[in-house]
Amino acid sequence: MNTLKVSLKDAEKTKVVLMKNGLLDNSRSIGKTKNFIFFPVVSASEAKKLISGAKLVKKALEKRKKITKLKGMVGKKLTKKELGMLKRAYDVIGTIAVMEIPRELEKKEKILARALLKLNKRIKTVVKKAGGHFGEFRVQKMKHLAGIKTQETIHGENGIRLKLNVETVYFSPRLSSERKRIAELVKKGEKVLVMFSGCGPYVCVIAKKSPAKEVVGVEINPSGHKYAQENLKLNKIGNARLYLGDVKKIVPELKEKFDRILMPLPKSAEDFLETALIAAKKETVIHFYDFLHETEIPHRAFYKIEKACKRNNLKCKMLNWVKCGQQAPRVYRICVDFEVV
């Protein structure tokens, strides 16, 4: 993979610049020799421009293992019962860690946050989820716990950078592999529609990392749309268009047909299937996301798709389905890939 080779004396300032600009690839470990440091980067050309004197070299770096030492680090400050309640999983979005802290541990949340800062030097801010996703924009309140007081960051994944505010924009770093999967399915010359495009993660990954001719994103959240516009510029993407508004209104107004359509809104995507079908043609592939109990996978999603197609006098062919996350015990986010025939 591409790495930035710098001398040991320049390592710390280089790391700061890479992190600030979302160029450090958090999925890989940093390499080290006696005299040099090798930083994994998401965009070699951009990193080279920012770091004078650095060299780009190909070097195999190990995948980072998830840090699971938090429980041991705070063991003496929590009771045995409290340790049992501690959730070790947390999301890292750029330089911001997003924790889920049970109500029973709220009195210890500052201790946990400060421990996380010490544990992972790449994290500069720790916030916690203060309630579930709510409202039309599916956003989530956050409470600052430790570190730099900010909600804005630049997140690096799949060779792109995404600027966003973790409270005003819905974004899940856990869908990085799913975004890569979809991009790898896109064929040369395809015209792709991304419904509910948010700050542009699917739009940017597909536009930058696939042979798509054009990618069109539609998002109703003004904050998500604003960041998506910034992210097109940040990643120097010229083959994408963005629209602000309700997909049920925007998509019919476009009067366009697409080769591939994404519907990454699992909670109520079925309400938008007919809108997607308006923009589909024969052989269009649609990626439909849904939250389902394990006993309903995948037949419940198949039923929703077939019902919508039947209402629109269309036929469909199921191509594939995958699990791409977990919402609750035994409840999973799935994606069904189907073709209009």
C-alpha atoms as a PDB file:
ATOM      1  CA  MET A   1       0.000   0.000   0.000  1.00  0.00           C
ATOM      2  CA  ASN A   2       1.006   3.674  -0.343  1.00  0.00           C
ATOM      3  CA  THR A   3       2.898   5.068   2.638  1.00  0.00           C
ATOM      4  CA  LEU A   4       4.564   8.373   3.419  1.00  0.00           C
ATOM      5  CA  LYS A   5       8.167   7.881   4.490  1.00  0.00           C
ATOM      6  CA  VAL A   6       9.513  10.537   6.869  1.00  0.00           C
ATOM      7  CA  SER A   7      12.464  10.805   9.234  1.00  0.00           C
ATOM      8  CA  LEU A   8      11.936  10.155  12.939  1.00  0.00           C
ATOM      9  CA  LYS A   9      12.457  13.822  13.826  1.00  0.00           C
ATOM     10  CA  ASP A  10       9.606  14.851  11.510  1.00  0.00           C
ATOM     11  CA  ALA A  11       7.230  12.045  12.525  1.00  0.00           C
ATOM     12  CA  GLU A  12       5.086  13.854  15.101  1.00  0.00           C
ATOM     13  CA  LYS A  13       4.413  17.010  13.070  1.00  0.00           C
ATOM     14  CA  THR A  14       3.714  14.862   9.996  1.00  0.00           C
ATOM     15  CA  LYS A  15       1.200  12.802  11.948  1.00  0.00           C
ATOM     16  CA  VAL A  16      -0.607  15.935  13.138  1.00  0.00           C
ATOM     17  CA  VAL A  17      -0.914  17.293   9.580  1.00  0.00           C
ATOM     18  CA  LEU A  18      -2.154  13.967   8.198  1.00  0.00           C
ATOM     19  CA  MET A  19      -4.751  13.588  10.948  1.00  0.00           C
ATOM     20  CA  LYS A  20      -5.967  17.172  10.624  1.00  0.00           C
ATOM     21  CA  ASN A  21      -6.552  16.672   6.901  1.00  0.00           C
ATOM     22  CA  GLY A  22      -8.089  13.194   7.180  1.00  0.00           C
ATOM     23  CA  LEU A  23      -5.246  11.603   5.229  1.00  0.00           C
ATOM     24  CA  LEU A  24      -4.082   9.042   7.785  1.00  0.00           C
ATOM     25  CA  ASP A  25      -5.442   5.568   7.001  1.00  0.00           C
ATOM     26  CA  ASN A  26      -6.720   4.387  10.381  1.00  0.00           C
ATOM     27  CA  SER A  27      -7.203   0.807   9.198  1.00  0.00           C
ATOM     28  CA  ARG A  28      -3.432   0.160   9.054  1.00  0.00           C
ATOM     29  CA  SER A  29      -0.640   0.269  11.617  1.00  0.00           C
ATOM     30  CA  ILE A  30       2.158   2.819  11.304  1.00  0.00           C
ATOM     31  CA  GLY A  31       5.455   1.282  10.178  1.00  0.00           C
ATOM     32  CA  LYS A  32       8.805   2.037  11.807  1.00  0.00           C
ATOM     33  CA  THR A  33      12.486   1.356  11.182  1.00  0.00           C
ATOM     34  CA  LYS A  34      15.566   2.641  12.981  1.00  0.00           C
ATOM     35  CA  ASN A  35      15.547   5.995  11.160  1.00  0.00           C
ATOM     36  CA  PHE A  36      12.163   6.322   9.456  1.00  0.00           C
ATOM     37  CA  ILE A  37       8.402   6.253  10.038  1.00  0.00           C
ATOM     38  CA  PHE A  38       5.966   4.967   7.392  1.00  0.00           C
ATOM     39  CA  PHE A  39       2.481   6.481   7.592  1.00  0.00           C
ATOM     40  CA  PRO A  40      -0.393   4.731   5.764  1.00  0.00           C
ATOM     41  CA  VAL A  41      -2.304   7.357   3.760  1.00  0.00           C
ATOM     42  CA  VAL A  42      -5.662   7.437   1.965  1.00  0.00           C
ATOM     43  CA  SER A  43      -4.428   9.789  -0.783  1.00  0.00           C
ATOM     44  CA  ALA A  44      -0.745   9.584  -1.633  1.00  0.00           C
ATOM     45  CA  SER A  45      -0.721  12.619  -3.931  1.00  0.00           C
ATOM     46  CA  GLU A  46      -2.473  14.893  -1.410  1.00  0.00           C
ATOM     47  CA  ALA A  47      -0.199  13.739   1.418  1.00  0.00           C
ATOM     48  CA  LYS A  48       2.912  14.400  -0.663  1.00  0.00           C
ATOM     49  CA  LYS A  49       1.751  17.958  -1.394  1.00  0.00           C
ATOM     50  CA  LEU A  50       1.237  18.742   2.292  1.00  0.00           C
ATOM     51  CA  ILE A  51       4.452  17.191   3.644  1.00  0.00           C
ATOM     52  CA  SER A  52       7.561  18.693   2.082  1.00  0.00           C
ATOM     53  CA  GLY A  53      10.556  16.396   1.940  1.00  0.00           C
ATOM     54  CA  ALA A  54       8.515  13.221   2.458  1.00  0.00           C
ATOM     55  CA  LYS A  55       8.763  10.299   0.032  1.00  0.00           C
ATOM     56  CA  LEU A  56       6.006   8.000  -1.197  1.00  0.00           C
ATOM     57  CA  VAL A  57       6.904   4.329  -0.961  1.00  0.00           C
ATOM     58  CA  LYS A  58       5.028   1.049  -1.279  1.00  0.00           C
ATOM     59  CA  LYS A  59       5.127  -0.873   1.978  1.00  0.00           C
ATOM     60  CA  ALA A  60       3.040  -3.680   3.466  1.00  0.00           C
ATOM     61  CA  LEU A  61       1.544  -2.600   6.794  1.00  0.00           C
ATOM     62  CA  GLU A  62      -0.499  -4.729   9.155  1.00  0.00           C
ATOM     63  CA  LYS A  63      -4.186  -4.117   9.703  1.00  0.00           C
ATOM     64  CA  ARG A  64      -4.812  -2.415  13.038  1.00  0.00           C
ATOM     65  CA  LYS A  65      -6.407  -4.485  15.718  1.00  0.00           C
ATOM     66  CA  LYS A  66      -9.296  -2.895  17.582  1.00  0.00           C
ATOM     67  CA  ILE A  67      -8.192  -1.573  20.932  1.00  0.00           C
ATOM     68  CA  THR A  68      -9.806  -3.582  23.718  1.00  0.00           C
ATOM     69  CA  LYS A  69      -7.713  -2.465  26.705  1.00  0.00           C
ATOM     70  CA  LEU A  70     -10.196   0.102  28.011  1.00  0.00           C
ATOM     71  CA  LYS A  71     -11.646  -2.288  30.559  1.00  0.00           C
ATOM     72  CA  GLY A  72      -8.207  -3.033  31.973  1.00  0.00           C
ATOM     73  CA  MET A  73      -7.235   0.619  32.057  1.00  0.00           C
ATOM     74  CA  VAL A  74     -10.232   1.680  34.163  1.00  0.00           C
ATOM     75  CA  GLY A  75     -10.511  -1.535  36.148  1.00  0.00           C
ATOM     76  CA  LYS A  76      -9.444   0.022  39.441  1.00  0.00           C
ATOM     77  CA  LYS A  77     -11.904   2.916  39.096  1.00  0.00           C
ATOM     78  CA  LEU A  78     -14.988   0.835  38.383  1.00  0.00           C
ATOM     79  CA  THR A  79     -16.700  -1.831  40.457  1.00  0.00           C
ATOM     80  CA  LYS A  80     -16.956  -5.375  39.149  1.00  0.00           C
ATOM     81  CA  LYS A  81     -20.611  -4.749  38.338  1.00  0.00           C
ATOM     82  CA  GLU A  82     -19.773  -1.537  36.477  1.00  0.00           C
ATOM     83  CA  LEU A  83     -17.050  -3.285  34.469  1.00  0.00           C
ATOM     84  CA  GLY A  84     -19.646  -5.792  33.343  1.00  0.00           C
ATOM     85  CA  MET A  85     -21.789  -2.961  31.962  1.00  0.00           C
ATOM     86  CA  LEU A  86     -18.918  -1.270  30.095  1.00  0.00           C
ATOM     87  CA  LYS A  87     -19.272  -1.338  26.337  1.00  0.00           C
ATOM     88  CA  ARG A  88     -15.833  -1.699  24.810  1.00  0.00           C
ATOM     89  CA  ALA A  89     -16.955  -0.925  21.268  1.00  0.00           C
ATOM     90  CA  TYR A  90     -16.864   2.665  20.069  1.00  0.00           C
ATOM     91  CA  ASP A  91     -16.810   4.376  16.695  1.00  0.00           C
ATOM     92  CA  VAL A  92     -13.886   6.489  15.551  1.00  0.00           C
ATOM     93  CA  ILE A  93     -14.832   9.135  13.005  1.00  0.00           C
ATOM     94  CA  GLY A  94     -11.711  11.030  11.973  1.00  0.00           C
ATOM     95  CA  THR A  95     -10.234  12.239  15.271  1.00  0.00           C
ATOM     96  CA  ILE A  96     -13.516  11.907  17.199  1.00  0.00           C
ATOM     97  CA  ALA A  97     -14.454   8.840  19.243  1.00  0.00           C
ATOM     98  CA  VAL A  98     -18.179   8.265  19.738  1.00  0.00           C
ATOM     99  CA  MET A  99     -18.963   6.193  22.830  1.00  0.00           C
ATOM    100  CA  GLU A 100     -22.117   4.519  24.060  1.00  0.00           C
ATOM    101  CA  ILE A 101     -22.270   4.784  27.847  1.00  0.00           C
ATOM    102  CA  PRO A 102     -25.001   3.022  29.850  1.00  0.00           C
ATOM    103  CA  ARG A 103     -27.003   5.199  32.242  1.00  0.00           C
ATOM    104  CA  GLU A 104     -25.518   3.308  35.192  1.00  0.00           C
ATOM    105  CA  LEU A 105     -22.027   4.494  34.214  1.00  0.00           C
ATOM    106  CA  GLU A 106     -22.815   8.161  33.575  1.00  0.00           C
ATOM    107  CA  LYS A 107     -21.065   9.230  36.777  1.00  0.00           C
ATOM    108  CA  LYS A 108     -17.888   7.615  35.448  1.00  0.00           C
ATOM    109  CA  GLU A 109     -18.178   8.854  31.842  1.00  0.00           C
ATOM    110  CA  LYS A 110     -15.407  11.460  32.178  1.00  0.00           C
ATOM    111  CA  ILE A 111     -13.052   8.807  33.550  1.00  0.00           C
ATOM    112  CA  LEU A 112     -13.851   6.519  30.612  1.00  0.00           C
ATOM    113  CA  ALA A 113     -13.409   9.321  28.068  1.00  0.00           C
ATOM    114  CA  ARG A 114     -10.035  10.434  29.445  1.00  0.00           C
ATOM    115  CA  ALA A 115      -8.876   6.812  29.482  1.00  0.00           C
ATOM    116  CA  LEU A 116      -9.832   6.467  25.824  1.00  0.00           C
ATOM    117  CA  LEU A 117      -7.783   9.547  24.920  1.00  0.00           C
ATOM    118  CA  LYS A 118      -4.735   7.989  26.591  1.00  0.00           C
ATOM    119  CA  LEU A 119      -5.406   4.644  24.963  1.00  0.00           C
ATOM    120  CA  ASN A 120      -5.643   5.843  21.377  1.00  0.00           C
ATOM    121  CA  LYS A 121      -3.390   8.778  20.489  1.00  0.00           C
ATOM    122  CA  ARG A 122      -5.183   9.267  17.178  1.00  0.00           C
ATOM    123  CA  ILE A 123      -8.304  10.336  19.051  1.00  0.00           C
ATOM    124  CA  LYS A 124      -8.414  14.027  19.969  1.00  0.00           C
ATOM    125  CA  THR A 125     -12.077  14.328  21.014  1.00  0.00           C
ATOM    126  CA  VAL A 126     -14.442  12.006  22.866  1.00  0.00           C
ATOM    127  CA  VAL A 127     -18.220  12.413  22.753  1.00  0.00           C
ATOM    128  CA  LYS A 128     -21.069  10.161  23.782  1.00  0.00           C
ATOM    129  CA  LYS A 129     -24.396   9.407  22.163  1.00  0.00           C
ATOM    130  CA  ALA A 130     -27.047  11.334  24.058  1.00  0.00           C
ATOM    131  CA  GLY A 131     -30.119   9.504  22.796  1.00  0.00           C
ATOM    132  CA  GLY A 132     -31.062   7.615  19.649  1.00  0.00           C
ATOM    133  CA  HIS A 133     -31.393   8.833  16.070  1.00  0.00           C
ATOM    134  CA  PHE A 134     -34.354  11.134  15.687  1.00  0.00           C
ATOM    135  CA  GLY A 135     -36.235  13.313  13.247  1.00  0.00           C
ATOM    136  CA  GLU A 136     -36.370  13.447   9.486  1.00  0.00           C
ATOM    137  CA  PHE A 137     -32.590  13.730   9.193  1.00  0.00           C
ATOM    138  CA  ARG A 138     -31.772  10.679  11.422  1.00  0.00           C
ATOM    139  CA  VAL A 139     -29.264  12.730  13.418  1.00  0.00           C
ATOM    140  CA  GLN A 140     -28.132  12.060  16.975  1.00  0.00           C
ATOM    141  CA  LYS A 141     -27.391  14.372  19.891  1.00  0.00           C
ATOM    142  CA  MET A 142     -23.816  14.192  21.199  1.00  0.00           C
ATOM    143  CA  LYS A 143     -22.335  15.269  24.518  1.00  0.00           C
ATOM    144  CA  HIS A 144     -18.684  16.318  24.752  1.00  0.00           C
ATOM    145  CA  LEU A 145     -16.734  14.322  27.348  1.00  0.00           C
ATOM    146  CA  ALA A 146     -13.016  14.943  26.847  1.00  0.00           C
ATOM    147  CA  GLY A 147     -10.370  16.404  24.555  1.00  0.00           C
ATOM    148  CA  ILE A 148     -10.807  19.168  21.992  1.00  0.00           C
ATOM    149  CA  LYS A 149     -14.347  20.546  22.084  1.00  0.00           C
ATOM    150  CA  THR A 150     -15.497  20.068  18.500  1.00  0.00           C
ATOM    151  CA  GLN A 151     -18.025  18.032  16.555  1.00  0.00           C
ATOM    152  CA  GLU A 152     -16.427  18.539  13.152  1.00  0.00           C
ATOM    153  CA  THR A 153     -13.726  16.300  11.735  1.00  0.00           C
ATOM    154  CA  ILE A 154     -12.304  14.838   8.527  1.00  0.00           C
ATOM    155  CA  HIS A 155     -12.653  11.076   8.255  1.00  0.00           C
ATOM    156  CA  GLY A 156     -10.525   8.963   5.912  1.00  0.00           C
ATOM    157  CA  GLU A 157     -11.784   5.725   4.354  1.00  0.00           C
ATOM    158  CA  ASN A 158     -11.453   3.816   1.088  1.00  0.00           C
ATOM    159  CA  GLY A 159      -8.990   6.366  -0.282  1.00  0.00           C
ATOM    160  CA  ILE A 160     -11.287   9.362   0.211  1.00  0.00           C
ATOM    161  CA  ARG A 161     -11.762  12.070   2.851  1.00  0.00           C
ATOM    162  CA  LEU A 162     -15.084  13.085   4.341  1.00  0.00           C
ATOM    163  CA  LYS A 163     -15.618  16.276   6.288  1.00  0.00           C
ATOM    164  CA  LEU A 164     -18.651  16.182   8.580  1.00  0.00           C
ATOM    165  CA  ASN A 165     -20.218  17.171  11.874  1.00  0.00           C
ATOM    166  CA  VAL A 166     -21.005  14.077  13.955  1.00  0.00           C
ATOM    167  CA  GLU A 167     -24.127  15.684  15.447  1.00  0.00           C
ATOM    168  CA  THR A 168     -25.727  17.324  12.406  1.00  0.00           C
ATOM    169  CA  VAL A 169     -24.999  14.551   9.871  1.00  0.00           C
ATOM    170  CA  TYR A 170     -25.811  10.839   9.950  1.00  0.00           C
ATOM    171  CA  PHE A 171     -22.637   8.857   9.243  1.00  0.00           C
ATOM    172  CA  SER A 172     -21.493   5.355  10.142  1.00  0.00           C
ATOM    173  CA  PRO A 173     -17.825   4.361   9.772  1.00  0.00           C
ATOM    174  CA  ARG A 174     -18.975   0.752  10.168  1.00  0.00           C
ATOM    175  CA  LEU A 175     -20.332   0.842   6.607  1.00  0.00           C
ATOM    176  CA  SER A 176     -16.901   1.435   5.071  1.00  0.00           C
ATOM    177  CA  SER A 177     -16.672  -2.166   3.798  1.00  0.00           C
ATOM    178  CA  GLU A 178     -20.197  -1.998   2.399  1.00  0.00           C
ATOM    179  CA  ARG A 179     -19.392   1.193   0.506  1.00  0.00           C
ATOM    180  CA  LYS A 180     -16.324  -0.504  -0.934  1.00  0.00           C
ATOM    181  CA  ARG A 181     -18.407  -3.565  -1.900  1.00  0.00           C
ATOM    182  CA  ILE A 182     -20.865  -1.440  -3.848  1.00  0.00           C
ATOM    183  CA  ALA A 183     -18.106   0.543  -5.593  1.00  0.00           C
ATOM    184  CA  GLU A 184     -16.509  -2.713  -6.728  1.00  0.00           C
ATOM    185  CA  LEU A 185     -19.811  -3.789  -8.329  1.00  0.00           C
ATOM    186  CA  VAL A 186     -20.114  -0.647 -10.454  1.00  0.00           C
ATOM    187  CA  LYS A 187     -19.315  -1.212 -14.120  1.00  0.00           C
ATOM    188  CA  LYS A 188     -17.660   1.115 -16.598  1.00  0.00           C
ATOM    189  CA  GLY A 189     -19.904   3.876 -17.860  1.00  0.00           C
ATOM    190  CA  GLU A 190     -22.678   3.399 -15.299  1.00  0.00           C
ATOM    191  CA  LYS A 191     -24.883   6.240 -14.171  1.00  0.00           C
ATOM    192  CA  VAL A 192     -25.502   5.821 -10.445  1.00  0.00           C
ATOM    193  CA  LEU A 193     -28.165   7.353  -8.188  1.00  0.00           C
ATOM    194  CA  VAL A 194     -27.556   7.549  -4.439  1.00  0.00           C
ATOM    195  CA  MET A 195     -30.753   8.290  -2.521  1.00  0.00           C
ATOM    196  CA  PHE A 196     -30.303   9.701   1.021  1.00  0.00           C
ATOM    197  CA  SER A 197     -26.697  10.591   0.144  1.00  0.00           C
ATOM    198  CA  GLY A 198     -25.839  12.423   3.401  1.00  0.00           C
ATOM    199  CA  CYS A 199     -22.388  14.010   3.478  1.00  0.00           C
ATOM    200  CA  GLY A 200     -21.496  11.986   0.395  1.00  0.00           C
ATOM    201  CA  PRO A 201     -19.742   8.785   1.545  1.00  0.00           C
ATOM    202  CA  TYR A 202     -21.298   6.546  -1.134  1.00  0.00           C
ATOM    203  CA  VAL A 203     -21.153   9.315  -3.747  1.00  0.00           C
ATOM    204  CA  CYS A 204     -17.466  10.009  -3.133  1.00  0.00           C
ATOM    205  CA  VAL A 205     -16.345   6.371  -2.896  1.00  0.00           C
ATOM    206  CA  ILE A 206     -18.195   5.374  -6.071  1.00  0.00           C
ATOM    207  CA  ALA A 207     -17.172   8.484  -8.037  1.00  0.00           C
ATOM    208  CA  LYS A 208     -13.529   8.172  -6.988  1.00  0.00           C
ATOM    209  CA  LYS A 209     -13.030   4.413  -6.819  1.00  0.00           C
ATOM    210  CA  SER A 210     -15.199   2.962  -9.581  1.00  0.00           C
ATOM    211  CA  PRO A 211     -15.447   3.373 -13.382  1.00  0.00           C
ATOM    212  CA  ALA A 212     -18.864   5.065 -13.065  1.00  0.00           C
ATOM    213  CA  LYS A 213     -19.610   7.712 -15.671  1.00  0.00           C
ATOM    214  CA  GLU A 214     -21.605   9.848 -13.234  1.00  0.00           C
ATOM    215  CA  VAL A 215     -22.942   9.687  -9.676  1.00  0.00           C
ATOM    216  CA  VAL A 216     -26.005  11.654  -8.545  1.00  0.00           C
ATOM    217  CA  GLY A 217     -26.762  12.184  -4.862  1.00  0.00           C
ATOM    218  CA  VAL A 218     -30.017  13.406  -3.282  1.00  0.00           C
ATOM    219  CA  GLU A 219     -30.142  14.458   0.392  1.00  0.00           C
ATOM    220  CA  ILE A 220     -32.849  16.243   2.403  1.00  0.00           C
ATOM    221  CA  ASN A 221     -30.620  17.360   5.300  1.00  0.00           C
ATOM    222  CA  PRO A 222     -29.124  20.819   4.506  1.00  0.00           C
ATOM    223  CA  SER A 223     -26.099  20.123   6.725  1.00  0.00           C
ATOM    224  CA  GLY A 224     -25.399  16.786   5.023  1.00  0.00           C
ATOM    225  CA  HIS A 225     -25.789  18.389   1.594  1.00  0.00           C
ATOM    226  CA  LYS A 226     -23.415  21.241   2.519  1.00  0.00           C
ATOM    227  CA  TYR A 227     -20.725  18.817   3.668  1.00  0.00           C
ATOM    228  CA  ALA A 228     -21.246  16.637   0.578  1.00  0.00           C
ATOM    229  CA  GLN A 229     -20.561  19.678  -1.619  1.00  0.00           C
ATOM    230  CA  GLU A 230     -17.360  20.338   0.348  1.00  0.00           C
ATOM    231  CA  ASN A 231     -16.358  16.687   0.049  1.00  0.00           C
ATOM    232  CA  LEU A 232     -16.629  16.716  -3.734  1.00  0.00           C
ATOM    233  CA  LYS A 233     -14.113  19.563  -3.731  1.00  0.00           C
ATOM    234  CA  LEU A 234     -11.970  17.939  -1.043  1.00  0.00           C
ATOM    235  CA  ASN A 235     -11.631  14.782  -3.139  1.00  0.00           C
ATOM    236  CA  LYS A 236     -11.428  16.616  -6.498  1.00  0.00           C
ATOM    237  CA  ILE A 237     -14.474  14.830  -7.862  1.00  0.00           C
ATOM    238  CA  GLY A 238     -15.903  16.117 -11.133  1.00  0.00           C
ATOM    239  CA  ASN A 239     -18.229  13.289 -12.130  1.00  0.00           C
ATOM    240  CA  ALA A 240     -20.939  13.842  -9.500  1.00  0.00           C
ATOM    241  CA  ARG A 241     -24.047  15.998  -9.031  1.00  0.00           C
ATOM    242  CA  LEU A 242     -25.801  16.747  -5.747  1.00  0.00           C
ATOM    243  CA  TYR A 243     -29.380  17.813  -5.067  1.00  0.00           C
ATOM    244  CA  LEU A 244     -30.897  19.115  -1.834  1.00  0.00           C
ATOM    245  CA  GLY A 245     -34.442  17.960  -1.147  1.00  0.00           C
ATOM    246  CA  ASP A 246     -36.856  15.073  -0.640  1.00  0.00           C
ATOM    247  CA  VAL A 247     -36.071  12.161  -2.972  1.00  0.00           C
ATOM    248  CA  LYS A 248     -39.808  11.662  -3.560  1.00  0.00           C
ATOM    249  CA  LYS A 249     -39.877  15.117  -5.143  1.00  0.00           C
ATOM    250  CA  ILE A 250     -36.376  15.432  -6.630  1.00  0.00           C
ATOM    251  CA  VAL A 251     -36.073  12.024  -8.341  1.00  0.00           C
ATOM    252  CA  PRO A 252     -39.262  12.346 -10.455  1.00  0.00           C
ATOM    253  CA  GLU A 253     -38.270  15.904 -11.376  1.00  0.00           C
ATOM    254  CA  LEU A 254     -34.906  14.696 -12.711  1.00  0.00           C
ATOM    255  CA  LYS A 255     -36.695  12.609 -15.370  1.00  0.00           C
ATOM    256  CA  GLU A 256     -33.583  10.456 -15.686  1.00  0.00           C
ATOM    257  CA  LYS A 257     -32.938   6.718 -15.739  1.00  0.00           C
ATOM    258  CA  PHE A 258     -30.033   5.121 -13.889  1.00  0.00           C
ATOM    259  CA  ASP A 259     -28.019   1.922 -14.257  1.00  0.00           C
ATOM    260  CA  ARG A 260     -27.639   1.512 -10.494  1.00  0.00           C
ATOM    261  CA  ILE A 261     -29.621   2.924  -7.556  1.00  0.00           C
ATOM    262  CA  LEU A 262     -28.645   2.879  -3.877  1.00  0.00           C
ATOM    263  CA  MET A 263     -31.162   3.157  -1.023  1.00  0.00           C
ATOM    264  CA  PRO A 264     -29.034   3.342   2.168  1.00  0.00           C
ATOM    265  CA  LEU A 265     -31.909   4.262   4.511  1.00  0.00           C
ATOM    266  CA  PRO A 266     -32.673   0.935   6.216  1.00  0.00           C
ATOM    267  CA  LYS A 267     -35.366   2.040   8.663  1.00  0.00           C
ATOM    268  CA  SER A 268     -37.964   3.149   6.101  1.00  0.00           C
ATOM    269  CA  ALA A 269     -36.462   2.483   2.679  1.00  0.00           C
ATOM    270  CA  GLU A 270     -39.504   0.439   1.645  1.00  0.00           C
ATOM    271  CA  ASP A 271     -41.511   3.695   1.581  1.00  0.00           C
ATOM    272  CA  PHE A 272     -39.205   4.904  -1.197  1.00  0.00           C
ATOM    273  CA  LEU A 273     -39.070   1.780  -3.376  1.00  0.00           C
ATOM    274  CA  GLU A 274     -41.601   3.131  -5.832  1.00  0.00           C
ATOM    275  CA  THR A 275     -39.551   6.341  -6.158  1.00  0.00           C
ATOM    276  CA  ALA A 276     -36.475   4.247  -6.971  1.00  0.00           C
ATOM    277  CA  LEU A 277     -38.419   2.274  -9.559  1.00  0.00           C
ATOM    278  CA  ILE A 278     -39.412   5.526 -11.311  1.00  0.00           C
ATOM    279  CA  ALA A 279     -35.719   6.102 -12.017  1.00  0.00           C
ATOM    280  CA  ALA A 280     -35.054   2.481 -13.013  1.00  0.00           C
ATOM    281  CA  LYS A 281     -35.046   0.853 -16.428  1.00  0.00           C
ATOM    282  CA  LYS A 282     -34.604  -2.700 -17.617  1.00  0.00           C
ATOM    283  CA  GLU A 283     -31.426  -4.206 -16.081  1.00  0.00           C
ATOM    284  CA  THR A 284     -31.090  -1.453 -13.472  1.00  0.00           C
ATOM    285  CA  VAL A 285     -29.571  -2.855 -10.268  1.00  0.00           C
ATOM    286  CA  ILE A 286     -31.039  -1.534  -7.018  1.00  0.00           C
ATOM    287  CA  HIS A 287     -29.409  -1.904  -3.586  1.00  0.00           C
ATOM    288  CA  PHE A 288     -32.187  -1.980  -0.986  1.00  0.00           C
ATOM    289  CA  TYR A 289     -31.290  -1.698   2.700  1.00  0.00           C
ATOM    290  CA  ASP A 290     -33.456  -2.893   5.575  1.00  0.00           C
ATOM    291  CA  PHE A 291     -33.348  -3.648   9.302  1.00  0.00           C
ATOM    292  CA  LEU A 292     -34.634  -7.184   9.920  1.00  0.00           C
ATOM    293  CA  HIS A 293     -34.823  -9.697  12.738  1.00  0.00           C
ATOM    294  CA  GLU A 294     -32.681 -12.738  11.971  1.00  0.00           C
ATOM    295  CA  THR A 295     -35.823 -14.866  11.565  1.00  0.00           C
ATOM    296  CA  GLU A 296     -36.995 -12.562   8.733  1.00  0.00           C
ATOM    297  CA  ILE A 297     -33.745 -12.546   6.729  1.00  0.00           C
ATOM    298  CA  PRO A 298     -33.920 -12.331   3.755  1.00  0.00           C
ATOM    299  CA  HIS A 299     -37.500 -13.302   2.866  1.00  0.00           C
ATOM    300  CA  ARG A 300     -39.114 -10.246   4.469  1.00  0.00           C
ATOM    301  CA  ALA A 301     -37.001  -7.889   2.337  1.00  0.00           C
ATOM    302  CA  PHE A 302     -37.703  -9.967  -0.779  1.00  0.00           C
ATOM    303  CA  TYR A 303     -41.437  -9.627  -0.085  1.00  0.00           C
ATOM    304  CA  LYS A 304     -41.234  -5.817   0.207  1.00  0.00           C
ATOM    305  CA  ILE A 305     -39.307  -5.551  -3.071  1.00  0.00           C
ATOM    306  CA  GLU A 306     -41.576  -7.918  -5.007  1.00  0.00           C
ATOM    307  CA  LYS A 307     -44.695  -6.150  -3.699  1.00  0.00           C
ATOM    308  CA  ALA A 308     -43.436  -2.740  -4.881  1.00  0.00           C
ATOM    309  CA  CYS A 309     -42.432  -4.098  -8.282  1.00  0.00           C
ATOM    310  CA  LYS A 310     -45.816  -5.761  -8.740  1.00  0.00           C
ATOM    311  CA  ARG A 311     -47.628  -2.491  -7.957  1.00  0.00           C
ATOM    312  CA  ASN A 312     -45.585  -0.862 -10.716  1.00  0.00           C
ATOM    313  CA  ASN A 313     -46.095  -3.709 -13.222  1.00  0.00           C
ATOM    314  CA  LEU A 314     -42.437  -4.624 -13.081  1.00  0.00           C
ATOM    315  CA  LYS A 315     -40.567  -7.846 -12.512  1.00  0.00           C
ATOM    316  CA  CYS A 316     -37.397  -8.254 -10.493  1.00  0.00           C
ATOM    317  CA  LYS A 317     -34.595 -10.729  -9.982  1.00  0.00           C
ATOM    318  CA  MET A 318     -32.838 -11.137  -6.642  1.00  0.00           C
ATOM    319  CA  LEU A 319     -29.077 -11.141  -7.225  1.00  0.00           C
ATOM    320  CA  ASN A 320     -27.575 -11.233  -3.738  1.00  0.00           C
ATOM    321  CA  TRP A 321     -28.058 -10.221  -0.126  1.00  0.00           C
ATOM    322  CA  VAL A 322     -25.552  -9.457   2.615  1.00  0.00           C
ATOM    323  CA  LYS A 323     -25.523  -8.564   6.293  1.00  0.00           C
ATOM    324  CA  CYS A 324     -23.751  -5.242   6.745  1.00  0.00           C
ATOM    325  CA  GLY A 325     -24.228  -4.381  10.391  1.00  0.00           C
ATOM    326  CA  GLN A 326     -26.217  -5.047  13.525  1.00  0.00           C
ATOM    327  CA  GLN A 327     -28.808  -2.689  15.002  1.00  0.00           C
ATOM    328  CA  ALA A 328     -29.777  -4.661  18.105  1.00  0.00           C
ATOM    329  CA  PRO A 329     -29.556  -8.241  19.426  1.00  0.00           C
ATOM    330  CA  ARG A 330     -30.662 -10.507  16.559  1.00  0.00           C
ATOM    331  CA  VAL A 331     -31.607  -7.492  14.416  1.00  0.00           C
ATOM    332  CA  TYR A 332     -29.363  -6.819  11.411  1.00  0.00           C
ATOM    333  CA  ARG A 333     -28.890  -4.257   8.673  1.00  0.00           C
ATOM    334  CA  ILE A 334     -29.028  -6.124   5.372  1.00  0.00           C
ATOM    335  CA  CYS A 335     -28.667  -5.120   1.757  1.00  0.00           C
ATOM    336  CA  VAL A 336     -30.513  -6.875  -1.045  1.00  0.00           C
ATOM    337  CA  ASP A 337     -29.115  -6.409  -4.541  1.00  0.00           C
ATOM    338  CA  PHE A 338     -31.869  -6.906  -7.132  1.00  0.00           C
ATOM    339  CA  GLU A 339     -32.298  -6.269 -10.833  1.00  0.00           C
ATOM    340  CA  VAL A 340     -35.307  -4.870 -12.668  1.00  0.00           C
ATOM    341  CA  VAL A 341     -36.114  -7.312 -15.498  1.00  0.00           C
END
